[in-house]
């Protein structure tokens, strides 16, 4: 199974000209609370705060970031569910929250929120320190077959299942270590507490410096920084991770507010500025999908997550 969001990302064309007018035609009835489902100081939190900063600068909106972490973004979803639908509360989560996380926790449906827009994809890769001497994920498998205890860091339940399936398909066992956030995985690798781990883009600087190596792409396409790295599918793994960062609002959100906020965020992430520079450097560039296409994608991800959950339970 390849999660269906990949198809939407591949087909997306960022076309913001003419849409910013929607933002100019709408004024929030009060300050906008921006719920952030990620720990403070990480790449996702930084992205959200840079977007908030530029929304204020470009439109004069008052945007107040607020951390609501936990349960793979579902705590943020619950906060959105109780918020007014007038555009004064939005939240940054990932598509995985409304797909795998919601499905595995049996915690509702994607329609519990209103998808607004995506901002960026991820460069999800299996990463290790260069000092390990591994060049590809195949080297990790060989080390495990030789009896080495491979400690595999993951930051979400989906990635834990993906690591488990990768081990099972290759006849090995991994010691899967779950932590909170990609920064914790990078810290674990640098401290020697983990041998390999998933990175969603936070590894870019270390890879460029030669301190880390991307051993495989967990996406269904090559990585930007390591285009020659194999895909996990080359090791018998039929699943991939196409997670994207996204903003959502309360259920039944006012359509004018949704469209205006989507257009304003699209303008911020695709035009020159600190948010665009950060997204380009850390996440491979902006990916803007909104409207019916985004709604269909997250619903399809939710519907198809059962296959990975089943495979990891066998």
C-alpha atoms as a PDB file:
ATOM      1  CA  UNK A   1       0.000   0.000   0.000  1.00  0.00           C
ATOM      2  CA  UNK A   2       1.152   3.506  -0.794  1.00  0.00           C
ATOM      3  CA  UNK A   3      -0.725   6.113   1.184  1.00  0.00           C
ATOM      4  CA  UNK A   4      -2.815   8.105  -1.253  1.00  0.00           C
ATOM      5  CA  UNK A   5      -1.548  11.533  -0.210  1.00  0.00           C
ATOM      6  CA  UNK A   6       1.496  10.930  -2.403  1.00  0.00           C
ATOM      7  CA  UNK A   7      -0.620  11.165  -5.513  1.00  0.00           C
ATOM      8  CA  UNK A   8      -1.980  14.523  -4.474  1.00  0.00           C
ATOM      9  CA  UNK A   9       1.481  15.875  -3.684  1.00  0.00           C
ATOM     10  CA  UNK A  10       2.863  14.681  -7.010  1.00  0.00           C
ATOM     11  CA  UNK A  11       0.018  16.346  -8.895  1.00  0.00           C
ATOM     12  CA  UNK A  12      -0.070  19.576  -6.902  1.00  0.00           C
ATOM     13  CA  UNK A  13       0.774  22.790  -8.693  1.00  0.00           C
ATOM     14  CA  UNK A  14       1.423  25.781  -6.495  1.00  0.00           C
ATOM     15  CA  UNK A  15      -0.643  28.572  -8.041  1.00  0.00           C
ATOM     16  CA  UNK A  16      -1.109  31.381  -5.572  1.00  0.00           C
ATOM     17  CA  UNK A  17      -1.444  34.404  -7.876  1.00  0.00           C
ATOM     18  CA  UNK A  18      -5.003  35.677  -7.765  1.00  0.00           C
ATOM     19  CA  UNK A  19      -5.884  33.786  -4.595  1.00  0.00           C
ATOM     20  CA  UNK A  20      -4.409  36.256  -2.111  1.00  0.00           C
ATOM     21  CA  UNK A  21      -7.363  38.513  -2.822  1.00  0.00           C
ATOM     22  CA  UNK A  22      -9.480  36.103  -0.769  1.00  0.00           C
ATOM     23  CA  UNK A  23      -7.379  36.971   2.265  1.00  0.00           C
ATOM     24  CA  UNK A  24      -7.801  40.687   1.607  1.00  0.00           C
ATOM     25  CA  UNK A  25     -11.604  40.312   1.441  1.00  0.00           C
ATOM     26  CA  UNK A  26     -11.877  38.722   4.896  1.00  0.00           C
ATOM     27  CA  UNK A  27     -11.012  40.085   8.302  1.00  0.00           C
ATOM     28  CA  UNK A  28     -10.859  37.834  11.375  1.00  0.00           C
ATOM     29  CA  UNK A  29     -13.362  38.889  14.053  1.00  0.00           C
ATOM     30  CA  UNK A  30     -10.617  38.707  16.669  1.00  0.00           C
ATOM     31  CA  UNK A  31      -7.128  37.353  17.328  1.00  0.00           C
ATOM     32  CA  UNK A  32      -6.383  34.016  15.682  1.00  0.00           C
ATOM     33  CA  UNK A  33      -5.218  31.288  18.025  1.00  0.00           C
ATOM     34  CA  UNK A  34      -2.787  28.984  16.205  1.00  0.00           C
ATOM     35  CA  UNK A  35      -2.755  25.591  17.903  1.00  0.00           C
ATOM     36  CA  UNK A  36       0.570  23.837  17.273  1.00  0.00           C
ATOM     37  CA  UNK A  37       0.602  20.056  17.709  1.00  0.00           C
ATOM     38  CA  UNK A  38       4.401  19.867  17.973  1.00  0.00           C
ATOM     39  CA  UNK A  39       6.878  20.381  20.767  1.00  0.00           C
ATOM     40  CA  UNK A  40       8.384  23.848  21.117  1.00  0.00           C
ATOM     41  CA  UNK A  41      11.695  24.419  19.399  1.00  0.00           C
ATOM     42  CA  UNK A  42      11.455  21.703  16.747  1.00  0.00           C
ATOM     43  CA  UNK A  43      11.292  22.139  12.991  1.00  0.00           C
ATOM     44  CA  UNK A  44       7.494  21.920  12.784  1.00  0.00           C
ATOM     45  CA  UNK A  45       7.038  24.419  15.607  1.00  0.00           C
ATOM     46  CA  UNK A  46       9.505  26.804  13.973  1.00  0.00           C
ATOM     47  CA  UNK A  47       7.681  26.513  10.654  1.00  0.00           C
ATOM     48  CA  UNK A  48       4.332  27.290  12.293  1.00  0.00           C
ATOM     49  CA  UNK A  49       5.693  30.311  14.179  1.00  0.00           C
ATOM     50  CA  UNK A  50       7.355  31.740  11.082  1.00  0.00           C
ATOM     51  CA  UNK A  51       4.044  31.433   9.224  1.00  0.00           C
ATOM     52  CA  UNK A  52       2.269  33.148  12.123  1.00  0.00           C
ATOM     53  CA  UNK A  53       4.828  35.959  12.079  1.00  0.00           C
ATOM     54  CA  UNK A  54       4.400  36.571   8.362  1.00  0.00           C
ATOM     55  CA  UNK A  55       0.593  36.399   8.508  1.00  0.00           C
ATOM     56  CA  UNK A  56       0.750  39.238  11.025  1.00  0.00           C
ATOM     57  CA  UNK A  57       3.215  41.237   8.936  1.00  0.00           C
ATOM     58  CA  UNK A  58       1.371  40.824   5.632  1.00  0.00           C
ATOM     59  CA  UNK A  59      -2.252  41.061   6.758  1.00  0.00           C
ATOM     60  CA  UNK A  60      -2.213  42.730  10.134  1.00  0.00           C
ATOM     61  CA  UNK A  61      -3.889  39.738  11.736  1.00  0.00           C
ATOM     62  CA  UNK A  62      -3.040  39.044  15.372  1.00  0.00           C
ATOM     63  CA  UNK A  63      -1.887  35.402  15.520  1.00  0.00           C
ATOM     64  CA  UNK A  64      -1.210  33.777  18.890  1.00  0.00           C
ATOM     65  CA  UNK A  65       0.689  30.441  18.747  1.00  0.00           C
ATOM     66  CA  UNK A  66      -0.173  27.916  21.440  1.00  0.00           C
ATOM     67  CA  UNK A  67       1.312  24.466  21.990  1.00  0.00           C
ATOM     68  CA  UNK A  68      -1.235  21.623  22.290  1.00  0.00           C
ATOM     69  CA  UNK A  69       0.857  18.488  21.957  1.00  0.00           C
ATOM     70  CA  UNK A  70       0.299  14.787  22.522  1.00  0.00           C
ATOM     71  CA  UNK A  71      -1.340  11.715  21.032  1.00  0.00           C
ATOM     72  CA  UNK A  72       0.121  12.251  17.577  1.00  0.00           C
ATOM     73  CA  UNK A  73      -1.736  15.515  17.069  1.00  0.00           C
ATOM     74  CA  UNK A  74      -5.096  14.210  18.297  1.00  0.00           C
ATOM     75  CA  UNK A  75      -5.033  16.501  21.337  1.00  0.00           C
ATOM     76  CA  UNK A  76      -4.763  19.427  18.931  1.00  0.00           C
ATOM     77  CA  UNK A  77      -7.667  18.001  16.916  1.00  0.00           C
ATOM     78  CA  UNK A  78      -9.756  17.812  20.085  1.00  0.00           C
ATOM     79  CA  UNK A  79      -8.933  21.448  20.823  1.00  0.00           C
ATOM     80  CA  UNK A  80     -10.075  22.429  17.338  1.00  0.00           C
ATOM     81  CA  UNK A  81     -13.315  20.475  17.680  1.00  0.00           C
ATOM     82  CA  UNK A  82     -14.405  22.680  20.571  1.00  0.00           C
ATOM     83  CA  UNK A  83     -13.337  25.999  19.016  1.00  0.00           C
ATOM     84  CA  UNK A  84     -15.503  28.583  17.240  1.00  0.00           C
ATOM     85  CA  UNK A  85     -15.733  28.056  13.478  1.00  0.00           C
ATOM     86  CA  UNK A  86     -15.296  31.711  12.572  1.00  0.00           C
ATOM     87  CA  UNK A  87     -11.591  31.567  11.672  1.00  0.00           C
ATOM     88  CA  UNK A  88     -10.284  32.616  15.085  1.00  0.00           C
ATOM     89  CA  UNK A  89      -8.797  29.161  15.780  1.00  0.00           C
ATOM     90  CA  UNK A  90      -6.618  27.134  13.430  1.00  0.00           C
ATOM     91  CA  UNK A  91      -4.140  24.357  14.081  1.00  0.00           C
ATOM     92  CA  UNK A  92      -0.983  22.952  12.531  1.00  0.00           C
ATOM     93  CA  UNK A  93      -0.915  19.160  12.434  1.00  0.00           C
ATOM     94  CA  UNK A  94       0.243  16.604   9.867  1.00  0.00           C
ATOM     95  CA  UNK A  95      -1.838  14.586   7.445  1.00  0.00           C
ATOM     96  CA  UNK A  96      -0.793  11.503   9.435  1.00  0.00           C
ATOM     97  CA  UNK A  97      -2.843  12.843  12.357  1.00  0.00           C
ATOM     98  CA  UNK A  98      -6.060  12.580  10.363  1.00  0.00           C
ATOM     99  CA  UNK A  99      -4.992   9.320   8.720  1.00  0.00           C
ATOM    100  CA  UNK A 100      -3.044   6.659  10.577  1.00  0.00           C
ATOM    101  CA  UNK A 101      -3.183   8.258  14.032  1.00  0.00           C
ATOM    102  CA  UNK A 102      -6.921   8.787  14.031  1.00  0.00           C
ATOM    103  CA  UNK A 103      -7.593   5.355  12.521  1.00  0.00           C
ATOM    104  CA  UNK A 104      -5.319   3.442  14.911  1.00  0.00           C
ATOM    105  CA  UNK A 105      -6.718   5.222  17.979  1.00  0.00           C
ATOM    106  CA  UNK A 106     -10.303   4.864  16.750  1.00  0.00           C
ATOM    107  CA  UNK A 107     -10.600   8.527  17.676  1.00  0.00           C
ATOM    108  CA  UNK A 108     -13.074   9.926  15.200  1.00  0.00           C
ATOM    109  CA  UNK A 109     -13.109  10.830  11.522  1.00  0.00           C
ATOM    110  CA  UNK A 110     -11.172  13.379   9.430  1.00  0.00           C
ATOM    111  CA  UNK A 111     -14.409  15.363   9.153  1.00  0.00           C
ATOM    112  CA  UNK A 112     -13.996  16.222  12.838  1.00  0.00           C
ATOM    113  CA  UNK A 113     -11.948  19.185  11.536  1.00  0.00           C
ATOM    114  CA  UNK A 114     -11.901  21.333   8.406  1.00  0.00           C
ATOM    115  CA  UNK A 115      -8.745  20.871   6.308  1.00  0.00           C
ATOM    116  CA  UNK A 116      -7.403  24.281   5.261  1.00  0.00           C
ATOM    117  CA  UNK A 117      -4.134  23.789   3.378  1.00  0.00           C
ATOM    118  CA  UNK A 118      -0.875  21.913   3.409  1.00  0.00           C
ATOM    119  CA  UNK A 119       2.404  23.806   3.641  1.00  0.00           C
ATOM    120  CA  UNK A 120       5.198  21.286   3.023  1.00  0.00           C
ATOM    121  CA  UNK A 121       5.916  17.622   2.550  1.00  0.00           C
ATOM    122  CA  UNK A 122       8.620  15.740   4.394  1.00  0.00           C
ATOM    123  CA  UNK A 123      11.893  14.150   3.416  1.00  0.00           C
ATOM    124  CA  UNK A 124      11.216  11.007   5.453  1.00  0.00           C
ATOM    125  CA  UNK A 125      14.359   8.901   5.506  1.00  0.00           C
ATOM    126  CA  UNK A 126      16.104   6.194   7.488  1.00  0.00           C
ATOM    127  CA  UNK A 127      19.098   8.021   8.936  1.00  0.00           C
ATOM    128  CA  UNK A 128      22.299   7.004  10.747  1.00  0.00           C
ATOM    129  CA  UNK A 129      25.570   8.603  11.764  1.00  0.00           C
ATOM    130  CA  UNK A 130      28.160   8.384   8.999  1.00  0.00           C
ATOM    131  CA  UNK A 131      30.574   6.940  11.554  1.00  0.00           C
ATOM    132  CA  UNK A 132      28.514   3.730  11.602  1.00  0.00           C
ATOM    133  CA  UNK A 133      29.940   2.994   8.166  1.00  0.00           C
ATOM    134  CA  UNK A 134      26.592   2.037   6.654  1.00  0.00           C
ATOM    135  CA  UNK A 135      25.823   3.231   3.135  1.00  0.00           C
ATOM    136  CA  UNK A 136      22.312   1.879   2.603  1.00  0.00           C
ATOM    137  CA  UNK A 137      19.516   0.249   4.566  1.00  0.00           C
ATOM    138  CA  UNK A 138      20.784  -3.073   3.233  1.00  0.00           C
ATOM    139  CA  UNK A 139      23.872  -2.663   5.413  1.00  0.00           C
ATOM    140  CA  UNK A 140      21.633  -2.281   8.463  1.00  0.00           C
ATOM    141  CA  UNK A 141      19.799  -5.478   7.575  1.00  0.00           C
ATOM    142  CA  UNK A 142      23.078  -7.343   7.185  1.00  0.00           C
ATOM    143  CA  UNK A 143      24.274  -6.062  10.557  1.00  0.00           C
ATOM    144  CA  UNK A 144      21.060  -7.290  12.167  1.00  0.00           C
ATOM    145  CA  UNK A 145      21.418 -10.690  10.515  1.00  0.00           C
ATOM    146  CA  UNK A 146      24.956 -10.875  11.890  1.00  0.00           C
ATOM    147  CA  UNK A 147      23.573 -10.531  15.399  1.00  0.00           C
ATOM    148  CA  UNK A 148      23.918  -6.803  16.040  1.00  0.00           C
ATOM    149  CA  UNK A 149      21.158  -5.272  18.178  1.00  0.00           C
ATOM    150  CA  UNK A 150      19.768  -2.505  15.961  1.00  0.00           C
ATOM    151  CA  UNK A 151      18.091   0.257  17.957  1.00  0.00           C
ATOM    152  CA  UNK A 152      15.652   2.029  15.627  1.00  0.00           C
ATOM    153  CA  UNK A 153      14.292   5.436  16.676  1.00  0.00           C
ATOM    154  CA  UNK A 154      10.784   6.466  15.625  1.00  0.00           C
ATOM    155  CA  UNK A 155       8.629   9.458  16.521  1.00  0.00           C
ATOM    156  CA  UNK A 156       5.151   8.301  15.493  1.00  0.00           C
ATOM    157  CA  UNK A 157       3.095   5.142  15.692  1.00  0.00           C
ATOM    158  CA  UNK A 158       2.966   4.866  11.914  1.00  0.00           C
ATOM    159  CA  UNK A 159       6.749   4.983  11.675  1.00  0.00           C
ATOM    160  CA  UNK A 160       6.994   2.370  14.406  1.00  0.00           C
ATOM    161  CA  UNK A 161       4.787   0.078  12.345  1.00  0.00           C
ATOM    162  CA  UNK A 162       6.819   0.881   9.232  1.00  0.00           C
ATOM    163  CA  UNK A 163      10.074  -0.065  11.027  1.00  0.00           C
ATOM    164  CA  UNK A 164       8.474  -3.278  12.282  1.00  0.00           C
ATOM    165  CA  UNK A 165       7.243  -4.259   8.816  1.00  0.00           C
ATOM    166  CA  UNK A 166      10.661  -3.463   7.319  1.00  0.00           C
ATOM    167  CA  UNK A 167      12.296  -5.808   9.825  1.00  0.00           C
ATOM    168  CA  UNK A 168       9.713  -8.541   9.309  1.00  0.00           C
ATOM    169  CA  UNK A 169      10.006  -8.437   5.523  1.00  0.00           C
ATOM    170  CA  UNK A 170      13.774  -8.934   5.791  1.00  0.00           C
ATOM    171  CA  UNK A 171      13.800 -11.634   8.463  1.00  0.00           C
ATOM    172  CA  UNK A 172      15.353  -9.535  11.244  1.00  0.00           C
ATOM    173  CA  UNK A 173      14.318  -7.855  14.477  1.00  0.00           C
ATOM    174  CA  UNK A 174      14.791  -4.208  15.400  1.00  0.00           C
ATOM    175  CA  UNK A 175      14.682  -2.769  18.888  1.00  0.00           C
ATOM    176  CA  UNK A 176      12.175  -0.003  18.139  1.00  0.00           C
ATOM    177  CA  UNK A 177      12.503   3.036  20.401  1.00  0.00           C
ATOM    178  CA  UNK A 178       9.618   5.513  20.420  1.00  0.00           C
ATOM    179  CA  UNK A 179      10.374   9.134  21.279  1.00  0.00           C
ATOM    180  CA  UNK A 180       8.595  12.464  20.955  1.00  0.00           C
ATOM    181  CA  UNK A 181       9.596  14.326  17.810  1.00  0.00           C
ATOM    182  CA  UNK A 182      12.264  14.196  15.158  1.00  0.00           C
ATOM    183  CA  UNK A 183      14.617  16.258  17.301  1.00  0.00           C
ATOM    184  CA  UNK A 184      14.591  13.496  19.923  1.00  0.00           C
ATOM    185  CA  UNK A 185      15.512  10.943  17.243  1.00  0.00           C
ATOM    186  CA  UNK A 186      18.438  13.104  16.113  1.00  0.00           C
ATOM    187  CA  UNK A 187      19.554  13.528  19.725  1.00  0.00           C
ATOM    188  CA  UNK A 188      19.338   9.772  20.246  1.00  0.00           C
ATOM    189  CA  UNK A 189      21.477   9.091  17.192  1.00  0.00           C
ATOM    190  CA  UNK A 190      24.081  11.665  18.185  1.00  0.00           C
ATOM    191  CA  UNK A 191      24.208  10.346  21.742  1.00  0.00           C
ATOM    192  CA  UNK A 192      24.663   6.761  20.586  1.00  0.00           C
ATOM    193  CA  UNK A 193      21.382   5.651  22.136  1.00  0.00           C
ATOM    194  CA  UNK A 194      20.017   4.695  18.709  1.00  0.00           C
ATOM    195  CA  UNK A 195      21.670   3.152  15.665  1.00  0.00           C
ATOM    196  CA  UNK A 196      19.202   4.285  13.017  1.00  0.00           C
ATOM    197  CA  UNK A 197      16.073   6.389  13.045  1.00  0.00           C
ATOM    198  CA  UNK A 198      13.529   8.175  10.913  1.00  0.00           C
ATOM    199  CA  UNK A 199      14.112  11.817  10.019  1.00  0.00           C
ATOM    200  CA  UNK A 200      11.502  13.966   8.305  1.00  0.00           C
ATOM    201  CA  UNK A 201      13.928  16.631   7.142  1.00  0.00           C
ATOM    202  CA  UNK A 202      15.589  17.722  10.367  1.00  0.00           C
ATOM    203  CA  UNK A 203      18.604  15.667   9.285  1.00  0.00           C
ATOM    204  CA  UNK A 204      19.297  17.867   6.232  1.00  0.00           C
ATOM    205  CA  UNK A 205      22.081  19.963   7.763  1.00  0.00           C
ATOM    206  CA  UNK A 206      23.877  16.927   9.212  1.00  0.00           C
ATOM    207  CA  UNK A 207      23.603  15.066   5.895  1.00  0.00           C
ATOM    208  CA  UNK A 208      24.986  18.066   3.998  1.00  0.00           C
ATOM    209  CA  UNK A 209      27.883  18.271   6.470  1.00  0.00           C
ATOM    210  CA  UNK A 210      28.657  14.570   6.045  1.00  0.00           C
ATOM    211  CA  UNK A 211      27.875  13.752   9.681  1.00  0.00           C
ATOM    212  CA  UNK A 212      24.803  11.669   8.846  1.00  0.00           C
ATOM    213  CA  UNK A 213      23.734   9.526   5.933  1.00  0.00           C
ATOM    214  CA  UNK A 214      20.254   8.859   4.571  1.00  0.00           C
ATOM    215  CA  UNK A 215      20.191   5.090   4.159  1.00  0.00           C
ATOM    216  CA  UNK A 216      16.795   4.826   2.470  1.00  0.00           C
ATOM    217  CA  UNK A 217      13.826   6.907   1.479  1.00  0.00           C
ATOM    218  CA  UNK A 218      10.663   6.088   3.390  1.00  0.00           C
ATOM    219  CA  UNK A 219       8.739   7.899   0.677  1.00  0.00           C
ATOM    220  CA  UNK A 220       7.703   6.366  -2.624  1.00  0.00           C
ATOM    221  CA  UNK A 221      10.164   8.610  -4.452  1.00  0.00           C
ATOM    222  CA  UNK A 222      13.857   9.515  -4.087  1.00  0.00           C
ATOM    223  CA  UNK A 223      15.067  11.981  -1.493  1.00  0.00           C
ATOM    224  CA  UNK A 224      16.149  15.456  -2.555  1.00  0.00           C
ATOM    225  CA  UNK A 225      19.440  15.430  -0.623  1.00  0.00           C
ATOM    226  CA  UNK A 226      20.238  11.758  -1.304  1.00  0.00           C
ATOM    227  CA  UNK A 227      18.675  10.870  -4.654  1.00  0.00           C
ATOM    228  CA  UNK A 228      20.719   7.682  -4.941  1.00  0.00           C
ATOM    229  CA  UNK A 229      19.500   6.283  -1.614  1.00  0.00           C
ATOM    230  CA  UNK A 230      17.269   3.229  -2.171  1.00  0.00           C
ATOM    231  CA  UNK A 231      13.561   3.224  -1.430  1.00  0.00           C
ATOM    232  CA  UNK A 232      12.229   1.050   1.369  1.00  0.00           C
ATOM    233  CA  UNK A 233      10.153  -0.639  -1.318  1.00  0.00           C
ATOM    234  CA  UNK A 234      13.409  -2.116  -2.630  1.00  0.00           C
ATOM    235  CA  UNK A 235      13.557  -4.108   0.615  1.00  0.00           C
ATOM    236  CA  UNK A 236      10.089  -5.590   0.254  1.00  0.00           C
ATOM    237  CA  UNK A 237       8.211  -2.876   2.139  1.00  0.00           C
ATOM    238  CA  UNK A 238       4.955  -2.090   0.349  1.00  0.00           C
ATOM    239  CA  UNK A 239       4.120   0.898   2.552  1.00  0.00           C
ATOM    240  CA  UNK A 240       5.510   4.422   2.432  1.00  0.00           C
ATOM    241  CA  UNK A 241       5.183   7.628   4.402  1.00  0.00           C
ATOM    242  CA  UNK A 242       3.984  10.645   2.432  1.00  0.00           C
ATOM    243  CA  UNK A 243       3.188  12.835   5.429  1.00  0.00           C
ATOM    244  CA  UNK A 244       2.683  16.553   4.840  1.00  0.00           C
ATOM    245  CA  UNK A 245       2.313  19.436   7.266  1.00  0.00           C
ATOM    246  CA  UNK A 246      -1.140  21.001   7.192  1.00  0.00           C
ATOM    247  CA  UNK A 247      -3.409  23.532   8.815  1.00  0.00           C
ATOM    248  CA  UNK A 248      -6.938  22.666   9.857  1.00  0.00           C
ATOM    249  CA  UNK A 249      -9.821  24.465  11.513  1.00  0.00           C
ATOM    250  CA  UNK A 250     -12.865  23.484  13.546  1.00  0.00           C
ATOM    251  CA  UNK A 251     -15.576  21.354  11.904  1.00  0.00           C
ATOM    252  CA  UNK A 252     -17.979  23.238   9.639  1.00  0.00           C
ATOM    253  CA  UNK A 253     -15.588  26.179   9.494  1.00  0.00           C
ATOM    254  CA  UNK A 254     -16.900  29.328   7.839  1.00  0.00           C
ATOM    255  CA  UNK A 255     -16.049  28.939   4.146  1.00  0.00           C
ATOM    256  CA  UNK A 256     -14.920  32.543   3.668  1.00  0.00           C
ATOM    257  CA  UNK A 257     -12.586  32.264   6.641  1.00  0.00           C
ATOM    258  CA  UNK A 258     -11.215  28.930   5.420  1.00  0.00           C
ATOM    259  CA  UNK A 259     -10.540  30.197   1.909  1.00  0.00           C
ATOM    260  CA  UNK A 260      -8.961  33.430   3.100  1.00  0.00           C
ATOM    261  CA  UNK A 261      -6.676  31.702   5.582  1.00  0.00           C
ATOM    262  CA  UNK A 262      -5.720  29.050   3.019  1.00  0.00           C
ATOM    263  CA  UNK A 263      -4.813  31.735   0.474  1.00  0.00           C
ATOM    264  CA  UNK A 264      -2.850  33.748   3.019  1.00  0.00           C
ATOM    265  CA  UNK A 265      -0.847  30.738   4.202  1.00  0.00           C
ATOM    266  CA  UNK A 266      -0.204  29.647   0.602  1.00  0.00           C
ATOM    267  CA  UNK A 267       1.132  33.110  -0.168  1.00  0.00           C
ATOM    268  CA  UNK A 268       3.437  33.023   2.870  1.00  0.00           C
ATOM    269  CA  UNK A 269       4.960  29.621   2.182  1.00  0.00           C
ATOM    270  CA  UNK A 270       5.418  30.058  -1.561  1.00  0.00           C
ATOM    271  CA  UNK A 271       6.783  33.598  -1.775  1.00  0.00           C
ATOM    272  CA  UNK A 272      10.083  34.992  -0.598  1.00  0.00           C
ATOM    273  CA  UNK A 273      10.407  35.239   3.158  1.00  0.00           C
ATOM    274  CA  UNK A 274      11.668  33.475   6.241  1.00  0.00           C
ATOM    275  CA  UNK A 275       8.966  30.797   6.211  1.00  0.00           C
ATOM    276  CA  UNK A 276       9.606  29.895   2.581  1.00  0.00           C
ATOM    277  CA  UNK A 277      13.371  29.779   3.155  1.00  0.00           C
ATOM    278  CA  UNK A 278      12.959  27.554   6.203  1.00  0.00           C
ATOM    279  CA  UNK A 279      10.565  25.172   4.444  1.00  0.00           C
ATOM    280  CA  UNK A 280      12.775  24.963   1.374  1.00  0.00           C
ATOM    281  CA  UNK A 281      15.880  24.189   3.408  1.00  0.00           C
ATOM    282  CA  UNK A 282      14.351  21.774   5.893  1.00  0.00           C
ATOM    283  CA  UNK A 283      11.509  20.101   4.027  1.00  0.00           C
ATOM    284  CA  UNK A 284      12.402  20.273   0.341  1.00  0.00           C
ATOM    285  CA  UNK A 285      10.115  23.159  -0.563  1.00  0.00           C
ATOM    286  CA  UNK A 286       6.471  24.130  -0.159  1.00  0.00           C
ATOM    287  CA  UNK A 287       3.604  21.838  -1.091  1.00  0.00           C
ATOM    288  CA  UNK A 288       0.225  23.588  -1.201  1.00  0.00           C
ATOM    289  CA  UNK A 289      -2.931  21.495  -1.491  1.00  0.00           C
ATOM    290  CA  UNK A 290      -6.313  22.752  -0.329  1.00  0.00           C
ATOM    291  CA  UNK A 291     -10.043  22.494  -0.901  1.00  0.00           C
ATOM    292  CA  UNK A 292     -11.760  19.345  -2.080  1.00  0.00           C
ATOM    293  CA  UNK A 293      -8.467  17.753  -3.124  1.00  0.00           C
ATOM    294  CA  UNK A 294      -7.069  17.985   0.400  1.00  0.00           C
ATOM    295  CA  UNK A 295     -10.299  16.753   1.967  1.00  0.00           C
ATOM    296  CA  UNK A 296     -10.343  13.714  -0.336  1.00  0.00           C
ATOM    297  CA  UNK A 297      -6.674  12.960   0.324  1.00  0.00           C
ATOM    298  CA  UNK A 298      -6.902  12.923   4.105  1.00  0.00           C
ATOM    299  CA  UNK A 299     -10.085  10.849   4.005  1.00  0.00           C
ATOM    300  CA  UNK A 300      -8.437   8.343   1.671  1.00  0.00           C
ATOM    301  CA  UNK A 301      -5.390   8.141   3.967  1.00  0.00           C
ATOM    302  CA  UNK A 302      -7.674   7.397   6.892  1.00  0.00           C
ATOM    303  CA  UNK A 303      -9.518   4.708   4.951  1.00  0.00           C
ATOM    304  CA  UNK A 304      -6.323   3.012   3.741  1.00  0.00           C
ATOM    305  CA  UNK A 305      -4.380   3.051   7.035  1.00  0.00           C
ATOM    306  CA  UNK A 306      -5.994  -0.207   8.126  1.00  0.00           C
ATOM    307  CA  UNK A 307      -3.676  -2.185   5.824  1.00  0.00           C
ATOM    308  CA  UNK A 308      -0.511  -0.996   7.578  1.00  0.00           C
ATOM    309  CA  UNK A 309      -2.062  -1.450  11.011  1.00  0.00           C
ATOM    310  CA  UNK A 310      -2.998  -5.011  10.077  1.00  0.00           C
ATOM    311  CA  UNK A 311       0.442  -5.801   8.642  1.00  0.00           C
ATOM    312  CA  UNK A 312       2.146  -4.590  11.824  1.00  0.00           C
ATOM    313  CA  UNK A 313      -0.123  -6.730  13.993  1.00  0.00           C
ATOM    314  CA  UNK A 314       0.730 -10.015  12.266  1.00  0.00           C
END
